[in-house]
Amino acid sequence: MFPFADDTRSYSVPIWIFILIATNVVIFFASMSGGEEHYLQTIVSYGTIPARFFQPADKPLHLSARLGTTDLGSVIDQSHMPPPILTLLTAMFLHGGLMHLIGNMWFLWIFGDNIEDRMGKLLFPIFYVICGLCAGLLHVVIYRGSSMPTIGASGAIAGIMGAYLYMFPRSTIATLMGFGFYFTIIHVPSQIFLGIWFLFQLIPGLAGGVAGNVAFMAHVGGFIAGLLLAMLFSSLGLISWAEGDRGHRGFSFRP
């Protein structure tokens, strides 16, 4: 299932969504501009490597991982690398390929504008970063012996999807479905679409966790963080509800 559009209206320009997409695109092409060696050095230095959190910084890091078809297996000197805690943030702006980038940015565009609209321009970036950090932390805790760099905005975007599930349970997602060579668009209730998506992360995450360079439990962590934060912000009166939203109590939008 590939989301094509949603029917939830926004009432403001999604400034932060534009900024995040532009930032991710610029960083991706900048990391690629120096050639493959520079790109791999960027991934290793600024990606989140769980094993780095549990060993001294002056100890050589033994990588035994692959990025796509490239073998990262080697011994890395950590002394010139950023502190591992910082990589929880930097990894959110790195991607493993053009399709990885496009897929993440598309999901950010489909689901993020409405969350930014209701949370506001001050709260939304804080929410986004917290979701990304929670996603990375859960991955680090569960796979603390892993030496594979984890990168991508998908943990933070999973948080947006968790918030969307709570805030817009009445919305529908126009979804592109393929059956062999036949493609069609069906309208799926957001609860069903996001529920299925979450299960597709949770089940393989519990079964193995990382397959094909996909950090499933990071997605699970981000999704749960986004859901809980949306509930917290709602209880604190920090969300501007609009007609059709979960908490609609008459139009009360704040720009």
C-alpha atoms as a PDB file:
ATOM      1  CA  MET A   1       0.000   0.000   0.000  1.00  0.00           C
ATOM      2  CA  PHE A   2       1.389   3.359  -1.033  1.00  0.00           C
ATOM      3  CA  PRO A   3      -0.338   6.526   0.263  1.00  0.00           C
ATOM      4  CA  PHE A   4      -1.321   8.884  -2.523  1.00  0.00           C
ATOM      5  CA  ALA A   5      -3.198  11.608  -0.629  1.00  0.00           C
ATOM      6  CA  ASP A   6      -5.382  12.205   2.415  1.00  0.00           C
ATOM      7  CA  ASP A   7      -8.613  14.137   2.897  1.00  0.00           C
ATOM      8  CA  THR A   8      -7.615  16.099   5.999  1.00  0.00           C
ATOM      9  CA  ARG A   9      -7.532  19.826   5.392  1.00  0.00           C
ATOM     10  CA  SER A  10      -4.682  22.082   6.497  1.00  0.00           C
ATOM     11  CA  TYR A  11      -5.167  25.773   7.208  1.00  0.00           C
ATOM     12  CA  SER A  12      -1.574  27.009   7.026  1.00  0.00           C
ATOM     13  CA  VAL A  13       1.496  26.683   4.836  1.00  0.00           C
ATOM     14  CA  PRO A  14       3.575  23.667   6.022  1.00  0.00           C
ATOM     15  CA  ILE A  15       6.758  25.671   6.459  1.00  0.00           C
ATOM     16  CA  TRP A  16       8.544  23.066   8.544  1.00  0.00           C
ATOM     17  CA  ILE A  17       7.694  20.282   6.114  1.00  0.00           C
ATOM     18  CA  PHE A  18       9.295  22.310   3.311  1.00  0.00           C
ATOM     19  CA  ILE A  19      12.339  22.998   5.492  1.00  0.00           C
ATOM     20  CA  LEU A  20      12.746  19.352   6.490  1.00  0.00           C
ATOM     21  CA  ILE A  21      12.393  18.084   2.939  1.00  0.00           C
ATOM     22  CA  ALA A  22      14.855  20.661   1.619  1.00  0.00           C
ATOM     23  CA  THR A  23      17.331  19.911   4.402  1.00  0.00           C
ATOM     24  CA  ASN A  24      17.205  16.169   3.811  1.00  0.00           C
ATOM     25  CA  VAL A  25      17.621  16.603   0.047  1.00  0.00           C
ATOM     26  CA  VAL A  26      20.561  19.005   0.394  1.00  0.00           C
ATOM     27  CA  ILE A  27      22.357  16.796   2.924  1.00  0.00           C
ATOM     28  CA  PHE A  28      21.823  13.706   0.780  1.00  0.00           C
ATOM     29  CA  PHE A  29      23.346  15.223  -2.342  1.00  0.00           C
ATOM     30  CA  ALA A  30      26.124  16.888  -0.337  1.00  0.00           C
ATOM     31  CA  SER A  31      27.066  13.531   1.185  1.00  0.00           C
ATOM     32  CA  MET A  32      27.061  11.961  -2.294  1.00  0.00           C
ATOM     33  CA  SER A  33      29.037  14.770  -3.947  1.00  0.00           C
ATOM     34  CA  GLY A  34      32.436  13.598  -2.690  1.00  0.00           C
ATOM     35  CA  GLY A  35      32.156  10.127  -4.153  1.00  0.00           C
ATOM     36  CA  GLU A  36      31.436   6.754  -2.598  1.00  0.00           C
ATOM     37  CA  GLU A  37      34.261   6.874  -0.046  1.00  0.00           C
ATOM     38  CA  HIS A  38      33.136  10.248   1.309  1.00  0.00           C
ATOM     39  CA  TYR A  39      29.542   9.062   1.375  1.00  0.00           C
ATOM     40  CA  LEU A  40      30.415   5.916   3.359  1.00  0.00           C
ATOM     41  CA  GLN A  41      32.563   7.909   5.779  1.00  0.00           C
ATOM     42  CA  THR A  42      29.613  10.227   6.373  1.00  0.00           C
ATOM     43  CA  ILE A  43      27.286   7.303   7.050  1.00  0.00           C
ATOM     44  CA  VAL A  44      29.714   5.645   9.470  1.00  0.00           C
ATOM     45  CA  SER A  45      30.582   8.882  11.295  1.00  0.00           C
ATOM     46  CA  TYR A  46      27.113  10.396  11.582  1.00  0.00           C
ATOM     47  CA  GLY A  47      24.858   7.337  11.495  1.00  0.00           C
ATOM     48  CA  THR A  48      23.670   5.793  14.754  1.00  0.00           C
ATOM     49  CA  ILE A  49      25.775   2.726  15.589  1.00  0.00           C
ATOM     50  CA  PRO A  50      24.380   1.036  18.730  1.00  0.00           C
ATOM     51  CA  ALA A  51      27.690  -0.587  19.691  1.00  0.00           C
ATOM     52  CA  ARG A  52      29.307   2.852  20.079  1.00  0.00           C
ATOM     53  CA  PHE A  53      27.027   3.651  23.005  1.00  0.00           C
ATOM     54  CA  PHE A  54      28.349   0.743  25.057  1.00  0.00           C
ATOM     55  CA  GLN A  55      32.112   0.836  24.548  1.00  0.00           C
ATOM     56  CA  PRO A  56      34.871   3.397  25.253  1.00  0.00           C
ATOM     57  CA  ALA A  57      35.389   6.049  22.597  1.00  0.00           C
ATOM     58  CA  ASP A  58      39.124   5.273  22.413  1.00  0.00           C
ATOM     59  CA  LYS A  59      38.462   1.643  21.524  1.00  0.00           C
ATOM     60  CA  PRO A  60      38.545   0.745  17.797  1.00  0.00           C
ATOM     61  CA  LEU A  61      35.129  -0.036  16.362  1.00  0.00           C
ATOM     62  CA  HIS A  62      34.784  -3.239  14.375  1.00  0.00           C
ATOM     63  CA  LEU A  63      32.190  -2.836  11.648  1.00  0.00           C
ATOM     64  CA  SER A  64      30.625  -5.925  10.134  1.00  0.00           C
ATOM     65  CA  ALA A  65      27.764  -4.539   8.112  1.00  0.00           C
ATOM     66  CA  ARG A  66      26.661  -3.786   4.587  1.00  0.00           C
ATOM     67  CA  LEU A  67      25.080  -0.688   3.098  1.00  0.00           C
ATOM     68  CA  GLY A  68      23.235  -1.883   0.032  1.00  0.00           C
ATOM     69  CA  THR A  69      25.843  -3.866  -1.906  1.00  0.00           C
ATOM     70  CA  THR A  70      28.828  -2.213  -0.198  1.00  0.00           C
ATOM     71  CA  ASP A  71      30.641  -4.071   2.563  1.00  0.00           C
ATOM     72  CA  LEU A  72      31.438  -1.796   5.521  1.00  0.00           C
ATOM     73  CA  GLY A  73      33.498  -4.442   7.277  1.00  0.00           C
ATOM     74  CA  SER A  74      36.598  -2.765   8.740  1.00  0.00           C
ATOM     75  CA  VAL A  75      38.113  -1.360  11.916  1.00  0.00           C
ATOM     76  CA  ILE A  76      37.201   2.286  12.531  1.00  0.00           C
ATOM     77  CA  ASP A  77      38.999   4.809  14.718  1.00  0.00           C
ATOM     78  CA  GLN A  78      36.282   6.511  16.773  1.00  0.00           C
ATOM     79  CA  SER A  79      38.433   9.370  18.050  1.00  0.00           C
ATOM     80  CA  HIS A  80      37.464  11.669  15.153  1.00  0.00           C
ATOM     81  CA  MET A  81      33.767  10.747  15.189  1.00  0.00           C
ATOM     82  CA  PRO A  82      30.991  12.747  16.874  1.00  0.00           C
ATOM     83  CA  PRO A  83      29.772  11.528  20.290  1.00  0.00           C
ATOM     84  CA  PRO A  84      27.317   8.668  19.777  1.00  0.00           C
ATOM     85  CA  ILE A  85      24.506  10.580  21.513  1.00  0.00           C
ATOM     86  CA  LEU A  86      24.787  13.292  18.830  1.00  0.00           C
ATOM     87  CA  THR A  87      24.345  10.731  16.058  1.00  0.00           C
ATOM     88  CA  LEU A  88      20.773  10.149  17.225  1.00  0.00           C
ATOM     89  CA  LEU A  89      20.103  13.569  15.697  1.00  0.00           C
ATOM     90  CA  THR A  90      22.452  13.548  12.706  1.00  0.00           C
ATOM     91  CA  ALA A  91      21.278  10.120  11.541  1.00  0.00           C
ATOM     92  CA  MET A  92      17.785  11.564  11.053  1.00  0.00           C
ATOM     93  CA  PHE A  93      19.058  13.579   8.076  1.00  0.00           C
ATOM     94  CA  LEU A  94      21.017  10.856   6.266  1.00  0.00           C
ATOM     95  CA  HIS A  95      19.696   8.379   3.713  1.00  0.00           C
ATOM     96  CA  GLY A  96      20.984   5.207   2.154  1.00  0.00           C
ATOM     97  CA  GLY A  97      19.979   5.962  -1.424  1.00  0.00           C
ATOM     98  CA  LEU A  98      17.722   8.042  -3.620  1.00  0.00           C
ATOM     99  CA  MET A  99      14.691   5.768  -3.243  1.00  0.00           C
ATOM    100  CA  HIS A 100      15.152   5.750   0.542  1.00  0.00           C
ATOM    101  CA  LEU A 101      15.112   9.543   0.484  1.00  0.00           C
ATOM    102  CA  ILE A 102      12.124   9.828  -1.865  1.00  0.00           C
ATOM    103  CA  GLY A 103      10.051   7.313   0.097  1.00  0.00           C
ATOM    104  CA  ASN A 104      10.659   9.056   3.411  1.00  0.00           C
ATOM    105  CA  MET A 105      10.020  12.530   2.042  1.00  0.00           C
ATOM    106  CA  TRP A 106       6.784  11.393   0.406  1.00  0.00           C
ATOM    107  CA  PHE A 107       5.441  10.004   3.691  1.00  0.00           C
ATOM    108  CA  LEU A 108       6.570  13.195   5.453  1.00  0.00           C
ATOM    109  CA  TRP A 109       4.641  15.260   2.910  1.00  0.00           C
ATOM    110  CA  ILE A 110       1.453  13.170   3.041  1.00  0.00           C
ATOM    111  CA  PHE A 111       1.134  12.988   6.827  1.00  0.00           C
ATOM    112  CA  GLY A 112       3.275  15.826   8.142  1.00  0.00           C
ATOM    113  CA  ASP A 113       1.452  18.917   6.898  1.00  0.00           C
ATOM    114  CA  ASN A 114      -1.655  18.225   8.962  1.00  0.00           C
ATOM    115  CA  ILE A 115       0.345  17.516  12.123  1.00  0.00           C
ATOM    116  CA  GLU A 116       2.317  20.736  11.717  1.00  0.00           C
ATOM    117  CA  ASP A 117      -0.913  22.611  11.046  1.00  0.00           C
ATOM    118  CA  ARG A 118      -2.581  21.484  14.274  1.00  0.00           C
ATOM    119  CA  MET A 119       0.481  21.548  16.529  1.00  0.00           C
ATOM    120  CA  GLY A 120       1.731  24.894  15.275  1.00  0.00           C
ATOM    121  CA  LYS A 121       5.068  26.179  14.039  1.00  0.00           C
ATOM    122  CA  LEU A 122       6.767  26.210  17.454  1.00  0.00           C
ATOM    123  CA  LEU A 123       5.703  22.825  18.779  1.00  0.00           C
ATOM    124  CA  PHE A 124       5.970  20.751  15.622  1.00  0.00           C
ATOM    125  CA  PRO A 125       9.787  20.780  15.172  1.00  0.00           C
ATOM    126  CA  ILE A 126      10.213  19.868  18.845  1.00  0.00           C
ATOM    127  CA  PHE A 127       7.768  17.012  18.386  1.00  0.00           C
ATOM    128  CA  TYR A 128       9.570  15.830  15.239  1.00  0.00           C
ATOM    129  CA  VAL A 129      12.989  15.738  16.882  1.00  0.00           C
ATOM    130  CA  ILE A 130      11.716  13.989  20.021  1.00  0.00           C
ATOM    131  CA  CYS A 131      10.096  11.271  17.911  1.00  0.00           C
ATOM    132  CA  GLY A 132      13.317  10.762  15.976  1.00  0.00           C
ATOM    133  CA  LEU A 133      15.366  10.575  19.167  1.00  0.00           C
ATOM    134  CA  CYS A 134      12.976   8.069  20.746  1.00  0.00           C
ATOM    135  CA  ALA A 135      13.124   5.931  17.617  1.00  0.00           C
ATOM    136  CA  GLY A 136      16.903   5.909  17.666  1.00  0.00           C
ATOM    137  CA  LEU A 137      17.107   5.210  21.397  1.00  0.00           C
ATOM    138  CA  LEU A 138      14.823   2.194  21.205  1.00  0.00           C
ATOM    139  CA  HIS A 139      16.905   0.789  18.369  1.00  0.00           C
ATOM    140  CA  VAL A 140      20.115   1.354  20.346  1.00  0.00           C
ATOM    141  CA  VAL A 141      18.769  -0.300  23.488  1.00  0.00           C
ATOM    142  CA  ILE A 142      17.402  -3.363  21.711  1.00  0.00           C
ATOM    143  CA  TYR A 143      20.352  -3.873  19.350  1.00  0.00           C
ATOM    144  CA  ARG A 144      23.167  -2.587  21.551  1.00  0.00           C
ATOM    145  CA  GLY A 145      25.680  -5.036  20.064  1.00  0.00           C
ATOM    146  CA  SER A 146      25.001  -4.018  16.457  1.00  0.00           C
ATOM    147  CA  SER A 147      27.756  -2.291  14.501  1.00  0.00           C
ATOM    148  CA  MET A 148      25.495  -1.409  11.550  1.00  0.00           C
ATOM    149  CA  PRO A 149      24.935   2.343  11.060  1.00  0.00           C
ATOM    150  CA  THR A 150      21.261   3.253  11.260  1.00  0.00           C
ATOM    151  CA  ILE A 151      20.194   6.256   9.193  1.00  0.00           C
ATOM    152  CA  GLY A 152      17.061   7.905   7.855  1.00  0.00           C
ATOM    153  CA  ALA A 153      14.173  10.170   8.812  1.00  0.00           C
ATOM    154  CA  SER A 154      11.730   7.264   9.038  1.00  0.00           C
ATOM    155  CA  GLY A 155      11.780   7.096  12.856  1.00  0.00           C
ATOM    156  CA  ALA A 156      10.672  10.716  13.161  1.00  0.00           C
ATOM    157  CA  ILE A 157       8.171  10.264  10.323  1.00  0.00           C
ATOM    158  CA  ALA A 158       6.787   7.196  12.104  1.00  0.00           C
ATOM    159  CA  GLY A 159       6.132   9.551  15.023  1.00  0.00           C
ATOM    160  CA  ILE A 160       4.119  11.791  12.701  1.00  0.00           C
ATOM    161  CA  MET A 161       2.120   8.750  11.616  1.00  0.00           C
ATOM    162  CA  GLY A 162       1.460   7.794  15.249  1.00  0.00           C
ATOM    163  CA  ALA A 163       0.182  11.291  15.948  1.00  0.00           C
ATOM    164  CA  TYR A 164      -1.927  11.174  12.788  1.00  0.00           C
ATOM    165  CA  LEU A 165      -3.595   7.988  13.994  1.00  0.00           C
ATOM    166  CA  TYR A 166      -4.669   9.717  17.198  1.00  0.00           C
ATOM    167  CA  MET A 167      -5.540  13.130  15.788  1.00  0.00           C
ATOM    168  CA  PHE A 168      -7.350  12.176  12.575  1.00  0.00           C
ATOM    169  CA  PRO A 169      -9.152   8.852  13.127  1.00  0.00           C
ATOM    170  CA  ARG A 170     -11.989   9.896  10.784  1.00  0.00           C
ATOM    171  CA  SER A 171      -9.776  10.651   7.788  1.00  0.00           C
ATOM    172  CA  THR A 172      -9.204   8.420   4.775  1.00  0.00           C
ATOM    173  CA  ILE A 173      -6.011   7.757   2.865  1.00  0.00           C
ATOM    174  CA  ALA A 174      -6.094   7.497  -0.928  1.00  0.00           C
ATOM    175  CA  THR A 175      -3.860   4.476  -1.445  1.00  0.00           C
ATOM    176  CA  LEU A 176      -2.246   3.146  -4.602  1.00  0.00           C
ATOM    177  CA  MET A 177      -2.667  -0.625  -4.799  1.00  0.00           C
ATOM    178  CA  GLY A 178      -1.049  -2.946  -7.300  1.00  0.00           C
ATOM    179  CA  PHE A 179      -2.350  -6.328  -8.418  1.00  0.00           C
ATOM    180  CA  GLY A 180       0.140  -7.714 -10.902  1.00  0.00           C
ATOM    181  CA  PHE A 181       0.226  -5.196 -13.731  1.00  0.00           C
ATOM    182  CA  TYR A 182      -3.029  -3.568 -12.633  1.00  0.00           C
ATOM    183  CA  PHE A 183      -2.956  -0.521 -10.344  1.00  0.00           C
ATOM    184  CA  THR A 184      -5.855   1.275  -8.728  1.00  0.00           C
ATOM    185  CA  ILE A 185      -6.489   3.822  -5.990  1.00  0.00           C
ATOM    186  CA  ILE A 186      -8.661   2.861  -3.036  1.00  0.00           C
ATOM    187  CA  HIS A 187      -9.689   4.978  -0.069  1.00  0.00           C
ATOM    188  CA  VAL A 188      -8.637   3.388   3.211  1.00  0.00           C
ATOM    189  CA  PRO A 189      -9.667   4.673   6.668  1.00  0.00           C
ATOM    190  CA  SER A 190      -6.603   6.102   8.378  1.00  0.00           C
ATOM    191  CA  GLN A 191      -6.987   3.751  11.350  1.00  0.00           C
ATOM    192  CA  ILE A 192      -6.798   0.717   9.051  1.00  0.00           C
ATOM    193  CA  PHE A 193      -3.948   2.061   6.924  1.00  0.00           C
ATOM    194  CA  LEU A 194      -1.811   3.118   9.874  1.00  0.00           C
ATOM    195  CA  GLY A 195      -2.720   0.050  11.903  1.00  0.00           C
ATOM    196  CA  ILE A 196      -1.569  -2.240   9.091  1.00  0.00           C
ATOM    197  CA  TRP A 197       1.586  -0.180   8.611  1.00  0.00           C
ATOM    198  CA  PHE A 198       2.394  -0.438  12.319  1.00  0.00           C
ATOM    199  CA  LEU A 199       1.904  -4.207  12.327  1.00  0.00           C
ATOM    200  CA  PHE A 200       4.218  -4.475   9.316  1.00  0.00           C
ATOM    201  CA  GLN A 201       6.894  -2.834  11.473  1.00  0.00           C
ATOM    202  CA  LEU A 202       6.143  -4.555  14.776  1.00  0.00           C
ATOM    203  CA  ILE A 203       5.965  -8.168  13.572  1.00  0.00           C
ATOM    204  CA  PRO A 204       9.329  -8.274  11.738  1.00  0.00           C
ATOM    205  CA  GLY A 205      10.796  -6.111  14.485  1.00  0.00           C
ATOM    206  CA  LEU A 206       9.892  -8.677  17.133  1.00  0.00           C
ATOM    207  CA  ALA A 207      11.002 -11.488  14.848  1.00  0.00           C
ATOM    208  CA  GLY A 208      14.436 -10.166  13.992  1.00  0.00           C
ATOM    209  CA  GLY A 209      14.571  -6.412  14.060  1.00  0.00           C
ATOM    210  CA  VAL A 210      16.789  -5.458  11.131  1.00  0.00           C
ATOM    211  CA  ALA A 211      16.254  -6.956   7.704  1.00  0.00           C
ATOM    212  CA  GLY A 212      17.415  -5.481   4.419  1.00  0.00           C
ATOM    213  CA  ASN A 213      18.842  -2.512   6.373  1.00  0.00           C
ATOM    214  CA  VAL A 214      15.368  -1.627   7.722  1.00  0.00           C
ATOM    215  CA  ALA A 215      15.363  -0.813  11.450  1.00  0.00           C
ATOM    216  CA  PHE A 216      11.818  -1.934  12.218  1.00  0.00           C
ATOM    217  CA  MET A 217      11.947  -1.308  15.957  1.00  0.00           C
ATOM    218  CA  ALA A 218      13.090   2.265  15.371  1.00  0.00           C
ATOM    219  CA  HIS A 219       9.859   2.733  13.414  1.00  0.00           C
ATOM    220  CA  VAL A 220       7.915   1.174  16.282  1.00  0.00           C
ATOM    221  CA  GLY A 221       9.598   3.467  18.803  1.00  0.00           C
ATOM    222  CA  GLY A 222       8.935   6.578  16.754  1.00  0.00           C
ATOM    223  CA  PHE A 223       5.302   5.633  16.120  1.00  0.00           C
ATOM    224  CA  ILE A 224       4.563   5.021  19.816  1.00  0.00           C
ATOM    225  CA  ALA A 225       6.370   8.230  20.803  1.00  0.00           C
ATOM    226  CA  GLY A 226       4.303  10.239  18.329  1.00  0.00           C
ATOM    227  CA  LEU A 227       1.058   8.677  19.506  1.00  0.00           C
ATOM    228  CA  LEU A 228       1.814   9.333  23.176  1.00  0.00           C
ATOM    229  CA  LEU A 229       3.042  12.882  22.542  1.00  0.00           C
ATOM    230  CA  ALA A 230      -0.104  13.713  20.581  1.00  0.00           C
ATOM    231  CA  MET A 231      -2.191  12.454  23.492  1.00  0.00           C
ATOM    232  CA  LEU A 232      -0.096  14.497  25.942  1.00  0.00           C
ATOM    233  CA  PHE A 233      -0.283  17.668  23.869  1.00  0.00           C
ATOM    234  CA  SER A 234      -4.031  17.201  23.529  1.00  0.00           C
ATOM    235  CA  SER A 235      -4.483  16.884  27.281  1.00  0.00           C
ATOM    236  CA  LEU A 236      -2.434  20.072  27.763  1.00  0.00           C
ATOM    237  CA  GLY A 237      -4.529  21.991  25.238  1.00  0.00           C
ATOM    238  CA  LEU A 238      -1.602  22.459  22.845  1.00  0.00           C
ATOM    239  CA  ILE A 239      -3.371  21.182  19.735  1.00  0.00           C
ATOM    240  CA  SER A 240      -5.629  23.392  17.614  1.00  0.00           C
ATOM    241  CA  TRP A 241      -8.478  21.140  16.578  1.00  0.00           C
ATOM    242  CA  ALA A 242     -10.511  21.694  13.429  1.00  0.00           C
ATOM    243  CA  GLU A 243     -13.721  20.233  12.052  1.00  0.00           C
ATOM    244  CA  GLY A 244     -13.426  16.490  11.553  1.00  0.00           C
ATOM    245  CA  ASP A 245     -10.495  15.998  13.939  1.00  0.00           C
ATOM    246  CA  ARG A 246     -10.643  13.725  16.968  1.00  0.00           C
ATOM    247  CA  GLY A 247     -10.843  16.596  19.432  1.00  0.00           C
ATOM    248  CA  HIS A 248     -13.171  18.811  17.423  1.00  0.00           C
ATOM    249  CA  ARG A 249     -15.075  21.119  19.716  1.00  0.00           C
ATOM    250  CA  GLY A 250     -15.879  23.853  17.232  1.00  0.00           C
ATOM    251  CA  PHE A 251     -13.319  25.669  15.127  1.00  0.00           C
ATOM    252  CA  SER A 252     -10.413  26.842  17.286  1.00  0.00           C
ATOM    253  CA  PHE A 253      -7.467  27.120  14.931  1.00  0.00           C
ATOM    254  CA  ARG A 254      -4.465  29.125  16.088  1.00  0.00           C
ATOM    255  CA  PRO A 255      -1.889  30.126  13.400  1.00  0.00           C
END
